[in-house]
């Protein structure tokens, strides 16, 4: 096989390993979230959304759970009625809104 073809095939050979690492990372994040919930360090997303929904000003289109400085934060992505995307950071333990980025 000419060297150029070999280089073009290289990403295809590496792709399965990258996908497996992404799956492992996702599984690890899910396990971390489950542990935090079981230990009472975070509240269930359904409770958090019920608390903050009236203050979001739009439709929830995505949620991520992050850990920042040892504290868990739900990052809630919102689509406003005017079509703008907003990100709202909420303390995952208390439901207190920490930050709103328009």
N, C-alpha and C. Protein backbone atom coordinates (compact mmCIF):
# COMPACT_ATOMS: atom_id res chain seq x y z
N UNK A 1 0.86 -1.17 0.00
CA UNK A 1 0.00 0.00 0.00
C UNK A 1 0.91 1.24 0.00
N UNK A 2 0.67 2.17 -0.89
CA UNK A 2 1.49 3.38 -0.90
C UNK A 2 1.33 4.13 0.42
N UNK A 3 2.36 4.87 0.84
CA UNK A 3 2.34 5.57 2.13
C UNK A 3 1.13 6.49 2.29
N UNK A 4 0.70 7.15 1.22
CA UNK A 4 -0.43 8.09 1.32
C UNK A 4 -1.70 7.35 1.76
N UNK A 5 -1.94 6.20 1.18
CA UNK A 5 -3.13 5.41 1.56
C UNK A 5 -3.03 4.94 3.00
N UNK A 6 -1.84 4.57 3.41
CA UNK A 6 -1.65 4.13 4.79
C UNK A 6 -2.00 5.25 5.74
N UNK A 7 -1.60 6.48 5.44
CA UNK A 7 -1.93 7.61 6.30
C UNK A 7 -3.43 7.89 6.31
N UNK A 8 -4.09 7.71 5.19
CA UNK A 8 -5.52 7.94 5.12
C UNK A 8 -6.29 6.90 5.92
N UNK A 9 -5.76 5.70 6.05
CA UNK A 9 -6.43 4.64 6.80
C UNK A 9 -6.16 4.74 8.30
N UNK A 10 -5.13 5.43 8.69
CA UNK A 10 -4.75 5.52 10.10
C UNK A 10 -5.90 6.02 10.98
N UNK A 11 -6.62 7.08 10.63
CA UNK A 11 -7.74 7.51 11.49
C UNK A 11 -8.80 6.42 11.66
N UNK A 12 -9.02 5.61 10.65
CA UNK A 12 -10.01 4.54 10.76
C UNK A 12 -9.57 3.48 11.76
N UNK A 13 -8.26 3.26 11.85
CA UNK A 13 -7.75 2.29 12.80
C UNK A 13 -7.83 2.82 14.23
N UNK A 14 -7.67 4.12 14.40
CA UNK A 14 -7.68 4.72 15.73
C UNK A 14 -9.10 4.99 16.25
N UNK A 15 -10.06 5.08 15.37
CA UNK A 15 -11.42 5.43 15.74
C UNK A 15 -12.04 4.50 16.77
N UNK A 16 -11.95 3.17 16.65
CA UNK A 16 -12.56 2.30 17.65
C UNK A 16 -12.00 2.54 19.06
N UNK A 17 -10.73 2.79 19.18
CA UNK A 17 -10.12 3.07 20.48
C UNK A 17 -10.65 4.36 21.07
N UNK A 18 -10.80 5.37 20.23
CA UNK A 18 -11.32 6.66 20.70
C UNK A 18 -12.77 6.52 21.15
N UNK A 19 -13.55 5.75 20.42
CA UNK A 19 -14.96 5.53 20.79
C UNK A 19 -15.04 4.79 22.12
N UNK A 20 -14.18 3.82 22.33
CA UNK A 20 -14.18 3.06 23.58
C UNK A 20 -13.81 3.97 24.75
N UNK A 21 -12.83 4.85 24.55
CA UNK A 21 -12.44 5.78 25.62
C UNK A 21 -13.59 6.74 25.94
N UNK A 22 -14.30 7.20 24.93
CA UNK A 22 -15.44 8.09 25.15
C UNK A 22 -16.53 7.36 25.93
N UNK A 23 -16.78 6.10 25.60
CA UNK A 23 -17.78 5.30 26.34
C UNK A 23 -17.36 5.13 27.79
N UNK A 24 -16.08 4.83 28.01
CA UNK A 24 -15.57 4.67 29.38
C UNK A 24 -15.71 5.96 30.17
N UNK A 25 -15.40 7.08 29.54
CA UNK A 25 -15.50 8.38 30.21
C UNK A 25 -16.96 8.68 30.56
N UNK A 26 -17.87 8.41 29.62
CA UNK A 26 -19.29 8.65 29.85
C UNK A 26 -19.80 7.76 30.99
N UNK A 27 -19.39 6.50 30.99
CA UNK A 27 -19.79 5.56 32.05
C UNK A 27 -19.26 6.04 33.40
N UNK A 28 -18.02 6.51 33.43
CA UNK A 28 -17.41 7.02 34.65
C UNK A 28 -18.17 8.23 35.18
N UNK A 29 -18.57 9.13 34.28
CA UNK A 29 -19.33 10.32 34.69
C UNK A 29 -20.69 9.92 35.23
N UNK A 30 -21.32 8.94 34.62
CA UNK A 30 -22.63 8.47 35.10
C UNK A 30 -22.49 7.82 36.47
N UNK A 31 -21.44 7.04 36.66
CA UNK A 31 -21.19 6.42 37.97
C UNK A 31 -20.95 7.48 39.04
N UNK A 32 -20.21 8.50 38.69
CA UNK A 32 -19.92 9.59 39.63
C UNK A 32 -21.21 10.29 40.04
N UNK A 33 -22.09 10.54 39.07
CA UNK A 33 -23.38 11.20 39.34
C UNK A 33 -24.25 10.31 40.22
N UNK A 34 -24.30 9.02 39.93
CA UNK A 34 -25.10 8.09 40.74
C UNK A 34 -24.61 8.05 42.19
N UNK A 35 -23.28 8.02 42.35
CA UNK A 35 -22.71 8.00 43.70
C UNK A 35 -23.07 9.29 44.46
N UNK A 36 -22.93 10.42 43.79
CA UNK A 36 -23.24 11.71 44.42
C UNK A 36 -24.71 11.76 44.83
N UNK A 37 -25.59 11.24 44.00
CA UNK A 37 -27.03 11.21 44.31
C UNK A 37 -27.29 10.26 45.50
N UNK A 38 -26.70 9.08 45.46
CA UNK A 38 -26.89 8.09 46.53
C UNK A 38 -26.35 8.62 47.87
N UNK A 39 -25.28 9.40 47.82
CA UNK A 39 -24.68 9.95 49.03
C UNK A 39 -25.37 11.23 49.50
N UNK A 40 -26.35 11.70 48.72
CA UNK A 40 -27.08 12.91 49.10
C UNK A 40 -26.33 14.20 48.82
N UNK A 41 -25.29 14.13 48.01
CA UNK A 41 -24.51 15.34 47.69
C UNK A 41 -25.16 16.16 46.59
N UNK A 42 -26.06 15.54 45.82
CA UNK A 42 -26.83 16.27 44.80
C UNK A 42 -28.28 15.85 44.91
N UNK A 43 -29.15 16.71 44.38
CA UNK A 43 -30.58 16.38 44.32
C UNK A 43 -30.88 15.86 42.92
N UNK A 44 -31.93 15.05 42.79
CA UNK A 44 -32.29 14.54 41.47
C UNK A 44 -32.61 15.70 40.52
N UNK A 45 -32.29 15.50 39.26
CA UNK A 45 -32.53 16.53 38.26
C UNK A 45 -33.99 16.94 38.22
N UNK A 46 -34.90 15.98 38.38
CA UNK A 46 -36.33 16.31 38.34
C UNK A 46 -36.69 17.32 39.43
N UNK A 47 -36.12 17.19 40.62
CA UNK A 47 -36.37 18.14 41.70
C UNK A 47 -35.79 19.51 41.37
N UNK A 48 -34.58 19.51 40.85
CA UNK A 48 -33.92 20.77 40.50
C UNK A 48 -34.72 21.50 39.43
N UNK A 49 -35.14 20.78 38.40
CA UNK A 49 -35.91 21.42 37.33
C UNK A 49 -37.24 21.97 37.86
N UNK A 50 -37.89 21.24 38.76
CA UNK A 50 -39.14 21.72 39.33
C UNK A 50 -38.93 23.02 40.10
N UNK A 51 -37.79 23.15 40.76
CA UNK A 51 -37.48 24.36 41.51
C UNK A 51 -37.19 25.56 40.62
N UNK A 52 -36.39 25.34 39.57
CA UNK A 52 -35.89 26.48 38.78
C UNK A 52 -36.66 26.75 37.50
N UNK A 53 -37.50 25.83 37.08
CA UNK A 53 -38.21 25.98 35.80
C UNK A 53 -38.87 27.36 35.64
N UNK A 54 -39.58 27.87 36.65
CA UNK A 54 -40.22 29.18 36.47
C UNK A 54 -39.23 30.33 36.23
N UNK A 55 -37.98 30.14 36.62
CA UNK A 55 -36.98 31.21 36.49
C UNK A 55 -36.12 31.07 35.24
N UNK A 56 -36.28 29.99 34.49
CA UNK A 56 -35.41 29.73 33.34
C UNK A 56 -35.74 30.61 32.14
N UNK A 57 -36.99 30.94 31.96
CA UNK A 57 -37.37 31.81 30.86
C UNK A 57 -37.32 31.15 29.50
N UNK A 58 -37.62 29.86 29.44
CA UNK A 58 -37.62 29.17 28.16
C UNK A 58 -37.68 27.67 28.34
N UNK A 59 -37.43 26.98 27.24
CA UNK A 59 -37.50 25.52 27.19
C UNK A 59 -36.13 24.90 27.43
N UNK A 60 -36.07 23.92 28.31
CA UNK A 60 -34.82 23.21 28.58
C UNK A 60 -34.49 22.33 27.38
N UNK A 61 -33.29 22.52 26.82
CA UNK A 61 -32.87 21.74 25.66
C UNK A 61 -31.66 20.84 25.95
N UNK A 62 -31.11 20.97 27.16
CA UNK A 62 -29.99 20.12 27.52
C UNK A 62 -29.54 20.37 28.94
N UNK A 63 -28.96 19.34 29.56
CA UNK A 63 -28.47 19.45 30.93
C UNK A 63 -27.18 18.65 31.04
N UNK A 64 -26.20 19.23 31.74
CA UNK A 64 -24.97 18.51 32.07
C UNK A 64 -24.73 18.65 33.55
N UNK A 65 -24.11 17.65 34.14
CA UNK A 65 -23.70 17.71 35.54
C UNK A 65 -22.18 17.82 35.56
N UNK A 66 -21.68 18.90 36.13
CA UNK A 66 -20.24 19.11 36.23
C UNK A 66 -19.84 19.24 37.69
N UNK A 67 -18.58 19.01 37.94
CA UNK A 67 -18.03 19.22 39.27
C UNK A 67 -17.05 20.37 39.19
N UNK A 68 -17.30 21.41 39.97
CA UNK A 68 -16.45 22.60 39.97
C UNK A 68 -16.00 22.89 41.40
N UNK A 69 -14.71 22.83 41.62
CA UNK A 69 -14.14 23.09 42.94
C UNK A 69 -14.78 22.22 44.02
N UNK A 70 -15.04 20.95 43.69
CA UNK A 70 -15.59 20.01 44.65
C UNK A 70 -17.10 20.06 44.82
N UNK A 71 -17.75 21.01 44.14
CA UNK A 71 -19.21 21.13 44.22
C UNK A 71 -19.82 20.74 42.88
N UNK A 72 -20.96 20.09 42.91
CA UNK A 72 -21.63 19.69 41.68
C UNK A 72 -22.56 20.80 41.21
N UNK A 73 -22.56 21.00 39.89
CA UNK A 73 -23.36 22.05 39.27
C UNK A 73 -24.08 21.47 38.06
N UNK A 74 -25.40 21.71 38.00
CA UNK A 74 -26.14 21.38 36.79
C UNK A 74 -26.03 22.57 35.85
N UNK A 75 -25.56 22.31 34.63
CA UNK A 75 -25.54 23.34 33.59
C UNK A 75 -26.75 23.08 32.71
N UNK A 76 -27.72 23.98 32.78
CA UNK A 76 -28.98 23.80 32.07
C UNK A 76 -29.00 24.71 30.86
N UNK A 77 -29.13 24.12 29.68
CA UNK A 77 -29.23 24.89 28.44
C UNK A 77 -30.69 25.15 28.15
N UNK A 78 -30.99 26.42 27.87
CA UNK A 78 -32.37 26.85 27.69
C UNK A 78 -32.49 27.57 26.35
N UNK A 79 -33.60 27.33 25.66
CA UNK A 79 -33.92 28.07 24.44
C UNK A 79 -35.05 29.03 24.80
N UNK A 80 -34.78 30.34 24.66
CA UNK A 80 -35.77 31.34 25.03
C UNK A 80 -36.84 31.44 23.94
N UNK A 81 -37.98 32.04 24.25
CA UNK A 81 -39.03 32.22 23.24
C UNK A 81 -38.55 33.02 22.02
N UNK A 82 -37.53 33.83 22.19
CA UNK A 82 -36.98 34.60 21.06
C UNK A 82 -35.91 33.85 20.29
N UNK A 83 -35.69 32.59 20.65
CA UNK A 83 -34.75 31.76 19.93
C UNK A 83 -33.30 31.90 20.37
N UNK A 84 -33.05 32.54 21.49
CA UNK A 84 -31.68 32.67 22.00
C UNK A 84 -31.38 31.51 22.94
N UNK A 85 -30.12 31.14 22.96
CA UNK A 85 -29.67 30.07 23.85
C UNK A 85 -29.12 30.69 25.12
N UNK A 86 -29.53 30.14 26.25
CA UNK A 86 -29.10 30.63 27.55
C UNK A 86 -28.56 29.44 28.33
N UNK A 87 -27.54 29.68 29.14
CA UNK A 87 -27.02 28.63 30.01
C UNK A 87 -27.16 29.08 31.46
N UNK A 88 -27.79 28.22 32.25
CA UNK A 88 -28.04 28.53 33.65
C UNK A 88 -27.30 27.50 34.50
N UNK A 89 -26.45 27.97 35.40
CA UNK A 89 -25.73 27.08 36.31
C UNK A 89 -26.48 27.05 37.63
N UNK A 90 -26.75 25.82 38.11
CA UNK A 90 -27.54 25.63 39.32
C UNK A 90 -26.78 24.71 40.27
N UNK A 91 -26.70 25.11 41.53
CA UNK A 91 -26.08 24.26 42.55
C UNK A 91 -26.88 22.96 42.63
N UNK A 92 -26.22 21.84 42.39
CA UNK A 92 -26.91 20.55 42.32
C UNK A 92 -27.36 20.05 43.68
N UNK A 93 -26.85 20.64 44.76
CA UNK A 93 -27.24 20.22 46.10
C UNK A 93 -28.41 21.04 46.63
N UNK A 94 -28.45 22.33 46.27
CA UNK A 94 -29.46 23.22 46.86
C UNK A 94 -30.53 23.69 45.87
N UNK A 95 -30.22 23.67 44.59
CA UNK A 95 -31.15 24.20 43.59
C UNK A 95 -31.02 25.70 43.40
N UNK A 96 -30.04 26.30 44.04
CA UNK A 96 -29.83 27.75 43.92
C UNK A 96 -29.18 28.07 42.57
N UNK A 97 -29.74 29.05 41.88
CA UNK A 97 -29.16 29.49 40.60
C UNK A 97 -27.88 30.28 40.91
N UNK A 98 -26.78 29.84 40.30
CA UNK A 98 -25.48 30.45 40.55
C UNK A 98 -25.10 31.48 39.49
N UNK A 99 -25.52 31.21 38.24
CA UNK A 99 -25.05 32.04 37.14
C UNK A 99 -25.99 31.87 35.96
N UNK A 100 -26.21 32.96 35.22
CA UNK A 100 -27.00 32.91 34.00
C UNK A 100 -26.18 33.58 32.90
N UNK A 101 -25.92 32.83 31.83
CA UNK A 101 -25.21 33.37 30.66
C UNK A 101 -26.18 33.45 29.50
N UNK A 102 -26.39 34.66 29.02
CA UNK A 102 -27.27 34.83 27.85
C UNK A 102 -26.46 34.78 26.58
